[in-house]
Amino acid sequence: MMKKEKIVQTAGRDALGSFAPDFAGYNDDVLFGEVWNDTTLDLKTKSTIVISVFMGRGLCDSSLKYHLLTAKKNGITKDEIAAIITHAAFYAGWPMAWAVFNMAKEIWNDDAPACDDKERFQKEVFLPIGEKNPYGKYFTGQSYLAQVSSDQVPAFNVTFEPGCRNFWHIHHAKSGGGQMLICIGGRGWYQEEGKEAVELTLGKVVNIPAGVKHWHGAAADSWMSHLAFEIPGEGGSTEWCEPVSDKLYGELK
């Protein structure tokens, strides 16, 4: 089971960052960053409140659709959303209920093809997972690779299925070089030779100097994605070493 991750929102800055930066900040950092992440109410209850308020105010637009999608992600079932809309209909109006039911039917569509684990995890991370990793021979388990930048500092999104990890390896350079990792979803591990493993969770940053033997990958019970930035250096290369043993990996909790 994956740990509950902090809600991170960028919609305000994406849409209004240059036009209304203060409003964008309140939306992303206060409404979602603080209010939605407050644990006094669970996420299902918060979704129920928001949907009821939208219906009561007669709002049935893309914002409501977003909150319906969020409600499903937060665990509200088809029977529960039907009950919520029916209950709110007596206060918000019958036409409003019809409009929301039509929207909800598309979201809680049991006839829609079930998405696989990769598709489900893709919805949790903001960058593409990409295709099967062409460097898979240096990994235990299945990983995926998507290049997100080729200019200035090359950057890749590397995604690991549960239990997947890369082999021990070293980034060499005559000067500079190394790598930086930023976890963008799920949970995993990073370990340098001779040191304790470090847990990778959303937002965790790892700086890897050149010449340090290390490995990284997903936890046994969770997918994990991290951005990998190649730090500029002279004469850079990667030396792949032995796989991470099942014994070492199995001891991580």
C-alpha atoms as a PDB file:
ATOM      1  CA  MET A   1       0.000   0.000   0.000  1.00  0.00           C
ATOM      2  CA  MET A   2       1.353   3.405  -0.959  1.00  0.00           C
ATOM      3  CA  LYS A   3       1.631   6.043   1.709  1.00  0.00           C
ATOM      4  CA  LYS A   4      -0.743   8.971   1.555  1.00  0.00           C
ATOM      5  CA  GLU A   5       0.995  11.681  -0.397  1.00  0.00           C
ATOM      6  CA  LYS A   6       0.761  15.410   0.146  1.00  0.00           C
ATOM      7  CA  ILE A   7      -1.591  17.131  -2.285  1.00  0.00           C
ATOM      8  CA  VAL A   8       0.352  19.426  -4.609  1.00  0.00           C
ATOM      9  CA  GLN A   9      -1.524  21.805  -6.894  1.00  0.00           C
ATOM     10  CA  THR A  10      -0.115  23.954  -9.716  1.00  0.00           C
ATOM     11  CA  ALA A  11      -3.319  24.837 -11.595  1.00  0.00           C
ATOM     12  CA  GLY A  12      -3.379  28.381 -10.216  1.00  0.00           C
ATOM     13  CA  ARG A  13       0.110  29.250 -11.368  1.00  0.00           C
ATOM     14  CA  ASP A  14      -0.322  27.355 -14.634  1.00  0.00           C
ATOM     15  CA  ALA A  15      -3.400  29.414 -15.554  1.00  0.00           C
ATOM     16  CA  LEU A  16      -2.899  32.724 -13.733  1.00  0.00           C
ATOM     17  CA  GLY A  17       0.697  32.814 -12.550  1.00  0.00           C
ATOM     18  CA  SER A  18       1.680  35.891 -14.551  1.00  0.00           C
ATOM     19  CA  PHE A  19      -1.767  37.554 -14.596  1.00  0.00           C
ATOM     20  CA  ALA A  20      -2.763  37.164 -10.939  1.00  0.00           C
ATOM     21  CA  PRO A  21       0.198  35.723  -9.006  1.00  0.00           C
ATOM     22  CA  ASP A  22      -1.308  36.432  -5.561  1.00  0.00           C
ATOM     23  CA  PHE A  23      -4.565  34.629  -6.395  1.00  0.00           C
ATOM     24  CA  ALA A  24      -2.594  31.770  -7.974  1.00  0.00           C
ATOM     25  CA  GLY A  25      -0.566  31.438  -4.781  1.00  0.00           C
ATOM     26  CA  TYR A  26      -3.659  31.406  -2.576  1.00  0.00           C
ATOM     27  CA  ASN A  27      -5.169  28.681  -4.778  1.00  0.00           C
ATOM     28  CA  ASP A  28      -2.094  26.437  -4.939  1.00  0.00           C
ATOM     29  CA  ASP A  29      -0.435  27.074  -1.577  1.00  0.00           C
ATOM     30  CA  VAL A  30      -3.306  27.903   0.788  1.00  0.00           C
ATOM     31  CA  LEU A  31      -6.478  26.219  -0.542  1.00  0.00           C
ATOM     32  CA  PHE A  32      -4.745  23.050  -1.730  1.00  0.00           C
ATOM     33  CA  GLY A  33      -1.404  23.289   0.067  1.00  0.00           C
ATOM     34  CA  GLU A  34      -2.911  23.880   3.531  1.00  0.00           C
ATOM     35  CA  VAL A  35      -6.699  23.368   3.600  1.00  0.00           C
ATOM     36  CA  TRP A  36      -6.828  20.178   1.510  1.00  0.00           C
ATOM     37  CA  ASN A  37      -3.771  18.773   3.314  1.00  0.00           C
ATOM     38  CA  ASP A  38      -5.204  19.448   6.781  1.00  0.00           C
ATOM     39  CA  THR A  39      -6.045  16.084   8.367  1.00  0.00           C
ATOM     40  CA  THR A  40      -8.956  17.146  10.613  1.00  0.00           C
ATOM     41  CA  LEU A  41     -11.386  15.965   7.912  1.00  0.00           C
ATOM     42  CA  ASP A  42     -10.657  13.004   5.668  1.00  0.00           C
ATOM     43  CA  LEU A  43     -10.497  13.493   1.909  1.00  0.00           C
ATOM     44  CA  LYS A  44     -13.828  11.742   1.226  1.00  0.00           C
ATOM     45  CA  THR A  45     -15.602  14.155   3.569  1.00  0.00           C
ATOM     46  CA  LYS A  46     -13.907  17.139   1.960  1.00  0.00           C
ATOM     47  CA  SER A  47     -14.932  15.965  -1.505  1.00  0.00           C
ATOM     48  CA  THR A  48     -18.536  15.494  -0.317  1.00  0.00           C
ATOM     49  CA  ILE A  49     -18.590  19.043   1.061  1.00  0.00           C
ATOM     50  CA  VAL A  50     -17.175  20.594  -2.114  1.00  0.00           C
ATOM     51  CA  ILE A  51     -19.597  18.747  -4.421  1.00  0.00           C
ATOM     52  CA  SER A  52     -22.558  19.749  -2.231  1.00  0.00           C
ATOM     53  CA  VAL A  53     -21.483  23.404  -2.213  1.00  0.00           C
ATOM     54  CA  PHE A  54     -21.027  23.427  -5.983  1.00  0.00           C
ATOM     55  CA  MET A  55     -24.511  21.991  -6.448  1.00  0.00           C
ATOM     56  CA  GLY A  56     -26.013  24.438  -3.973  1.00  0.00           C
ATOM     57  CA  ARG A  57     -24.514  27.354  -5.897  1.00  0.00           C
ATOM     58  CA  GLY A  58     -25.606  25.966  -9.263  1.00  0.00           C
ATOM     59  CA  LEU A  59     -22.068  25.438 -10.545  1.00  0.00           C
ATOM     60  CA  CYS A  60     -21.754  22.613 -13.053  1.00  0.00           C
ATOM     61  CA  ASP A  61     -18.626  23.303 -15.096  1.00  0.00           C
ATOM     62  CA  SER A  62     -15.137  21.914 -15.552  1.00  0.00           C
ATOM     63  CA  SER A  63     -14.285  22.766 -11.939  1.00  0.00           C
ATOM     64  CA  LEU A  64     -17.037  20.469 -10.686  1.00  0.00           C
ATOM     65  CA  LYS A  65     -15.868  17.731 -13.041  1.00  0.00           C
ATOM     66  CA  TYR A  66     -12.381  18.067 -11.539  1.00  0.00           C
ATOM     67  CA  HIS A  67     -13.834  17.670  -8.045  1.00  0.00           C
ATOM     68  CA  LEU A  68     -15.912  14.671  -9.112  1.00  0.00           C
ATOM     69  CA  LEU A  69     -12.771  13.028 -10.492  1.00  0.00           C
ATOM     70  CA  THR A  70     -10.984  13.902  -7.248  1.00  0.00           C
ATOM     71  CA  ALA A  71     -13.883  12.447  -5.237  1.00  0.00           C
ATOM     72  CA  LYS A  72     -13.535   9.124  -7.050  1.00  0.00           C
ATOM     73  CA  LYS A  73      -9.783   9.169  -6.463  1.00  0.00           C
ATOM     74  CA  ASN A  74     -10.472   9.914  -2.787  1.00  0.00           C
ATOM     75  CA  GLY A  75     -12.507   6.733  -2.491  1.00  0.00           C
ATOM     76  CA  ILE A  76     -16.116   7.816  -3.036  1.00  0.00           C
ATOM     77  CA  THR A  77     -17.913   4.898  -4.685  1.00  0.00           C
ATOM     78  CA  LYS A  78     -20.634   4.965  -7.326  1.00  0.00           C
ATOM     79  CA  ASP A  79     -23.317   4.225  -4.728  1.00  0.00           C
ATOM     80  CA  GLU A  80     -21.978   6.952  -2.449  1.00  0.00           C
ATOM     81  CA  ILE A  81     -21.859   9.649  -5.153  1.00  0.00           C
ATOM     82  CA  ALA A  82     -25.403   8.720  -6.215  1.00  0.00           C
ATOM     83  CA  ALA A  83     -26.548   9.121  -2.599  1.00  0.00           C
ATOM     84  CA  ILE A  84     -24.694  12.440  -2.229  1.00  0.00           C
ATOM     85  CA  ILE A  85     -26.235  13.912  -5.385  1.00  0.00           C
ATOM     86  CA  THR A  86     -29.713  12.611  -4.489  1.00  0.00           C
ATOM     87  CA  HIS A  87     -29.536  14.098  -0.993  1.00  0.00           C
ATOM     88  CA  ALA A  88     -28.249  17.444  -2.293  1.00  0.00           C
ATOM     89  CA  ALA A  89     -30.951  17.509  -4.999  1.00  0.00           C
ATOM     90  CA  PHE A  90     -33.650  18.317  -2.403  1.00  0.00           C
ATOM     91  CA  TYR A  91     -31.743  21.488  -1.503  1.00  0.00           C
ATOM     92  CA  ALA A  92     -30.002  22.417  -4.767  1.00  0.00           C
ATOM     93  CA  GLY A  93     -32.796  21.592  -7.234  1.00  0.00           C
ATOM     94  CA  TRP A  94     -33.808  18.739  -9.530  1.00  0.00           C
ATOM     95  CA  PRO A  95     -32.353  20.181 -12.789  1.00  0.00           C
ATOM     96  CA  MET A  96     -29.022  20.675 -11.043  1.00  0.00           C
ATOM     97  CA  ALA A  97     -29.053  17.063  -9.866  1.00  0.00           C
ATOM     98  CA  TRP A  98     -29.746  15.818 -13.402  1.00  0.00           C
ATOM     99  CA  ALA A  99     -26.780  17.809 -14.714  1.00  0.00           C
ATOM    100  CA  VAL A 100     -24.418  16.471 -12.041  1.00  0.00           C
ATOM    101  CA  PHE A 101     -25.675  12.897 -12.469  1.00  0.00           C
ATOM    102  CA  ASN A 102     -24.911  13.073 -16.197  1.00  0.00           C
ATOM    103  CA  MET A 103     -21.391  14.205 -15.384  1.00  0.00           C
ATOM    104  CA  ALA A 104     -20.908  11.620 -12.626  1.00  0.00           C
ATOM    105  CA  LYS A 105     -22.113   8.746 -14.872  1.00  0.00           C
ATOM    106  CA  GLU A 106     -19.145   9.330 -17.173  1.00  0.00           C
ATOM    107  CA  ILE A 107     -16.703   9.231 -14.261  1.00  0.00           C
ATOM    108  CA  TRP A 108     -18.143   6.248 -12.359  1.00  0.00           C
ATOM    109  CA  ASN A 109     -18.591   4.198 -15.528  1.00  0.00           C
ATOM    110  CA  ASP A 110     -18.333   0.526 -14.615  1.00  0.00           C
ATOM    111  CA  ASP A 111     -18.419  -0.394 -18.306  1.00  0.00           C
ATOM    112  CA  ALA A 112     -15.254   1.560 -19.044  1.00  0.00           C
ATOM    113  CA  PRO A 113     -12.141  -0.582 -19.481  1.00  0.00           C
ATOM    114  CA  ALA A 114     -10.291  -0.963 -16.210  1.00  0.00           C
ATOM    115  CA  CYS A 115      -6.960   0.840 -16.268  1.00  0.00           C
ATOM    116  CA  ASP A 116      -3.856  -1.108 -15.363  1.00  0.00           C
ATOM    117  CA  ASP A 117      -1.428  -0.273 -12.569  1.00  0.00           C
ATOM    118  CA  LYS A 118       0.767   1.832 -14.852  1.00  0.00           C
ATOM    119  CA  GLU A 119      -2.207   3.940 -15.971  1.00  0.00           C
ATOM    120  CA  ARG A 120      -3.326   4.375 -12.367  1.00  0.00           C
ATOM    121  CA  PHE A 121       0.129   5.530 -11.291  1.00  0.00           C
ATOM    122  CA  GLN A 122       0.380   7.864 -14.305  1.00  0.00           C
ATOM    123  CA  LYS A 123      -2.579   9.784 -12.841  1.00  0.00           C
ATOM    124  CA  GLU A 124      -0.569  10.427  -9.684  1.00  0.00           C
ATOM    125  CA  VAL A 125       2.491  11.988 -11.323  1.00  0.00           C
ATOM    126  CA  PHE A 126       2.561  15.168 -13.374  1.00  0.00           C
ATOM    127  CA  LEU A 127       5.098  14.012 -15.986  1.00  0.00           C
ATOM    128  CA  PRO A 128       4.796  11.199 -18.531  1.00  0.00           C
ATOM    129  CA  ILE A 129       6.024   7.786 -17.434  1.00  0.00           C
ATOM    130  CA  GLY A 130       7.211   6.956 -20.923  1.00  0.00           C
ATOM    131  CA  GLU A 131       8.029   3.586 -22.425  1.00  0.00           C
ATOM    132  CA  LYS A 132       9.988   0.571 -21.196  1.00  0.00           C
ATOM    133  CA  ASN A 133      13.492   1.575 -20.208  1.00  0.00           C
ATOM    134  CA  PRO A 134      16.037   0.794 -22.955  1.00  0.00           C
ATOM    135  CA  TYR A 135      18.612   0.371 -20.166  1.00  0.00           C
ATOM    136  CA  GLY A 136      16.525  -2.400 -18.633  1.00  0.00           C
ATOM    137  CA  LYS A 137      19.428  -4.840 -18.588  1.00  0.00           C
ATOM    138  CA  TYR A 138      20.837  -2.809 -15.686  1.00  0.00           C
ATOM    139  CA  PHE A 139      17.620  -3.085 -13.647  1.00  0.00           C
ATOM    140  CA  THR A 140      15.990  -5.772 -11.538  1.00  0.00           C
ATOM    141  CA  GLY A 141      12.285  -5.585 -12.453  1.00  0.00           C
ATOM    142  CA  GLN A 142      10.498  -3.318 -14.903  1.00  0.00           C
ATOM    143  CA  SER A 143      11.278   0.387 -15.269  1.00  0.00           C
ATOM    144  CA  TYR A 144      10.208   3.128 -17.684  1.00  0.00           C
ATOM    145  CA  LEU A 145      11.996   6.165 -19.085  1.00  0.00           C
ATOM    146  CA  ALA A 146      10.821   9.517 -20.452  1.00  0.00           C
ATOM    147  CA  GLN A 147      13.168  12.359 -21.365  1.00  0.00           C
ATOM    148  CA  VAL A 148      11.690  15.667 -20.185  1.00  0.00           C
ATOM    149  CA  SER A 149      14.562  18.005 -21.135  1.00  0.00           C
ATOM    150  CA  SER A 150      17.522  17.849 -23.502  1.00  0.00           C
ATOM    151  CA  ASP A 151      18.649  21.484 -23.230  1.00  0.00           C
ATOM    152  CA  GLN A 152      20.960  23.008 -20.605  1.00  0.00           C
ATOM    153  CA  VAL A 153      20.684  20.177 -18.050  1.00  0.00           C
ATOM    154  CA  PRO A 154      19.408  16.837 -19.427  1.00  0.00           C
ATOM    155  CA  ALA A 155      16.536  15.502 -17.317  1.00  0.00           C
ATOM    156  CA  PHE A 156      14.659  12.203 -17.358  1.00  0.00           C
ATOM    157  CA  ASN A 157      11.636  10.830 -15.546  1.00  0.00           C
ATOM    158  CA  VAL A 158      12.478   7.308 -14.412  1.00  0.00           C
ATOM    159  CA  THR A 159       9.602   5.178 -13.133  1.00  0.00           C
ATOM    160  CA  PHE A 160       9.989   1.887 -11.246  1.00  0.00           C
ATOM    161  CA  GLU A 161       7.335  -0.770 -10.758  1.00  0.00           C
ATOM    162  CA  PRO A 162       7.055  -2.158  -7.194  1.00  0.00           C
ATOM    163  CA  GLY A 163      10.218  -4.050  -6.312  1.00  0.00           C
ATOM    164  CA  CYS A 164      12.181  -2.648  -9.258  1.00  0.00           C
ATOM    165  CA  ARG A 165      15.627  -1.153  -8.671  1.00  0.00           C
ATOM    166  CA  ASN A 166      18.704  -0.454 -10.736  1.00  0.00           C
ATOM    167  CA  PHE A 167      22.087  -2.104 -10.248  1.00  0.00           C
ATOM    168  CA  TRP A 168      24.824  -0.562  -8.171  1.00  0.00           C
ATOM    169  CA  HIS A 169      26.506   2.042 -10.366  1.00  0.00           C
ATOM    170  CA  ILE A 170      28.930   4.959 -10.369  1.00  0.00           C
ATOM    171  CA  HIS A 171      28.800   8.236 -12.296  1.00  0.00           C
ATOM    172  CA  HIS A 172      32.392   9.074 -13.232  1.00  0.00           C
ATOM    173  CA  ALA A 173      33.744  12.467 -14.291  1.00  0.00           C
ATOM    174  CA  LYS A 174      37.164  14.130 -14.456  1.00  0.00           C
ATOM    175  CA  SER A 175      35.539  17.238 -12.978  1.00  0.00           C
ATOM    176  CA  GLY A 176      31.977  18.153 -12.025  1.00  0.00           C
ATOM    177  CA  GLY A 177      29.454  15.516 -12.995  1.00  0.00           C
ATOM    178  CA  GLY A 178      27.227  13.398 -10.806  1.00  0.00           C
ATOM    179  CA  GLN A 179      23.456  13.288 -10.662  1.00  0.00           C
ATOM    180  CA  MET A 180      20.495  14.786  -8.807  1.00  0.00           C
ATOM    181  CA  LEU A 181      17.243  12.921  -8.114  1.00  0.00           C
ATOM    182  CA  ILE A 182      13.863  14.422  -7.172  1.00  0.00           C
ATOM    183  CA  CYS A 183      11.075  12.007  -6.240  1.00  0.00           C
ATOM    184  CA  ILE A 184       7.791  13.045  -7.906  1.00  0.00           C
ATOM    185  CA  GLY A 185       5.531  10.185  -6.846  1.00  0.00           C
ATOM    186  CA  GLY A 186       5.246   6.936  -4.948  1.00  0.00           C
ATOM    187  CA  ARG A 187       7.861   5.618  -2.539  1.00  0.00           C
ATOM    188  CA  GLY A 188      11.305   4.145  -2.990  1.00  0.00           C
ATOM    189  CA  TRP A 189      14.895   3.952  -1.811  1.00  0.00           C
ATOM    190  CA  TYR A 190      18.314   5.478  -2.475  1.00  0.00           C
ATOM    191  CA  GLN A 191      21.478   4.010  -1.006  1.00  0.00           C
ATOM    192  CA  GLU A 192      25.174   4.785  -1.189  1.00  0.00           C
ATOM    193  CA  GLU A 193      27.696   2.030  -0.584  1.00  0.00           C
ATOM    194  CA  GLY A 194      28.529   1.756   3.108  1.00  0.00           C
ATOM    195  CA  LYS A 195      25.584   3.915   4.223  1.00  0.00           C
ATOM    196  CA  GLU A 196      21.989   3.350   5.339  1.00  0.00           C
ATOM    197  CA  ALA A 197      19.287   3.511   2.665  1.00  0.00           C
ATOM    198  CA  VAL A 198      17.338   6.776   2.392  1.00  0.00           C
ATOM    199  CA  GLU A 199      13.574   6.653   1.805  1.00  0.00           C
ATOM    200  CA  LEU A 200      12.380   8.452  -1.334  1.00  0.00           C
ATOM    201  CA  THR A 201       8.972  10.124  -1.027  1.00  0.00           C
ATOM    202  CA  LEU A 202       7.301  13.006  -2.842  1.00  0.00           C
ATOM    203  CA  GLY A 203       9.642  15.996  -3.049  1.00  0.00           C
ATOM    204  CA  LYS A 204      12.726  14.229  -1.647  1.00  0.00           C
ATOM    205  CA  VAL A 205      15.933  15.521  -3.284  1.00  0.00           C
ATOM    206  CA  VAL A 206      19.118  13.455  -3.488  1.00  0.00           C
ATOM    207  CA  ASN A 207      22.450  14.850  -4.647  1.00  0.00           C
ATOM    208  CA  ILE A 208      24.881  12.219  -5.911  1.00  0.00           C
ATOM    209  CA  PRO A 209      28.517  13.297  -6.350  1.00  0.00           C
ATOM    210  CA  ALA A 210      30.640  11.791  -9.084  1.00  0.00           C
ATOM    211  CA  GLY A 211      32.525   8.680  -7.996  1.00  0.00           C
ATOM    212  CA  VAL A 212      29.962   7.481  -5.437  1.00  0.00           C
ATOM    213  CA  LYS A 213      28.706   3.910  -5.803  1.00  0.00           C
ATOM    214  CA  HIS A 214      24.931   3.780  -5.265  1.00  0.00           C
ATOM    215  CA  TRP A 215      21.544   2.424  -6.358  1.00  0.00           C
ATOM    216  CA  HIS A 216      17.939   3.604  -6.313  1.00  0.00           C
ATOM    217  CA  GLY A 217      14.511   2.120  -6.973  1.00  0.00           C
ATOM    218  CA  ALA A 218      10.953   1.566  -5.806  1.00  0.00           C
ATOM    219  CA  ALA A 219       9.791   0.128  -2.506  1.00  0.00           C
ATOM    220  CA  ALA A 220       8.574  -3.451  -2.604  1.00  0.00           C
ATOM    221  CA  ASP A 221       4.934  -2.355  -2.262  1.00  0.00           C
ATOM    222  CA  SER A 222       4.900   0.874  -4.270  1.00  0.00           C
ATOM    223  CA  TRP A 223       5.548   2.382  -7.664  1.00  0.00           C
ATOM    224  CA  MET A 224       8.037   5.256  -7.668  1.00  0.00           C
ATOM    225  CA  SER A 225       8.996   8.005 -10.115  1.00  0.00           C
ATOM    226  CA  HIS A 226      11.928  10.350  -9.825  1.00  0.00           C
ATOM    227  CA  LEU A 227      13.429  13.002 -12.027  1.00  0.00           C
ATOM    228  CA  ALA A 228      17.086  12.351 -12.796  1.00  0.00           C
ATOM    229  CA  PHE A 229      19.239  15.361 -13.691  1.00  0.00           C
ATOM    230  CA  GLU A 230      22.641  14.801 -15.255  1.00  0.00           C
ATOM    231  CA  ILE A 231      25.028  17.330 -13.709  1.00  0.00           C
ATOM    232  CA  PRO A 232      27.408  18.818 -16.311  1.00  0.00           C
ATOM    233  CA  GLY A 233      30.971  17.594 -16.036  1.00  0.00           C
ATOM    234  CA  GLU A 234      34.073  16.739 -18.021  1.00  0.00           C
ATOM    235  CA  GLY A 235      34.548  13.194 -19.261  1.00  0.00           C
ATOM    236  CA  GLY A 236      31.316  11.834 -17.791  1.00  0.00           C
ATOM    237  CA  SER A 237      30.457   8.138 -17.928  1.00  0.00           C
ATOM    238  CA  THR A 238      28.435   5.574 -15.991  1.00  0.00           C
ATOM    239  CA  GLU A 239      29.915   2.351 -14.662  1.00  0.00           C
ATOM    240  CA  TRP A 240      27.312  -0.356 -14.017  1.00  0.00           C
ATOM    241  CA  CYS A 241      28.189  -2.834 -11.282  1.00  0.00           C
ATOM    242  CA  GLU A 242      26.489  -5.836  -9.652  1.00  0.00           C
ATOM    243  CA  PRO A 243      22.740  -6.096  -8.978  1.00  0.00           C
ATOM    244  CA  VAL A 244      21.371  -5.143  -5.561  1.00  0.00           C
ATOM    245  CA  SER A 245      20.998  -8.428  -3.700  1.00  0.00           C
ATOM    246  CA  ASP A 246      17.571  -9.719  -2.732  1.00  0.00           C
ATOM    247  CA  LYS A 247      18.818  -9.994   0.863  1.00  0.00           C
ATOM    248  CA  LEU A 248      19.821  -6.324   1.093  1.00  0.00           C
ATOM    249  CA  TYR A 249      16.667  -5.152  -0.631  1.00  0.00           C
ATOM    250  CA  GLY A 250      14.428  -7.445   1.407  1.00  0.00           C
ATOM    251  CA  GLU A 251      15.680  -5.911   4.667  1.00  0.00           C
ATOM    252  CA  LEU A 252      14.351  -2.451   3.711  1.00  0.00           C
ATOM    253  CA  LYS A 253      11.030  -1.537   5.296  1.00  0.00           C
END
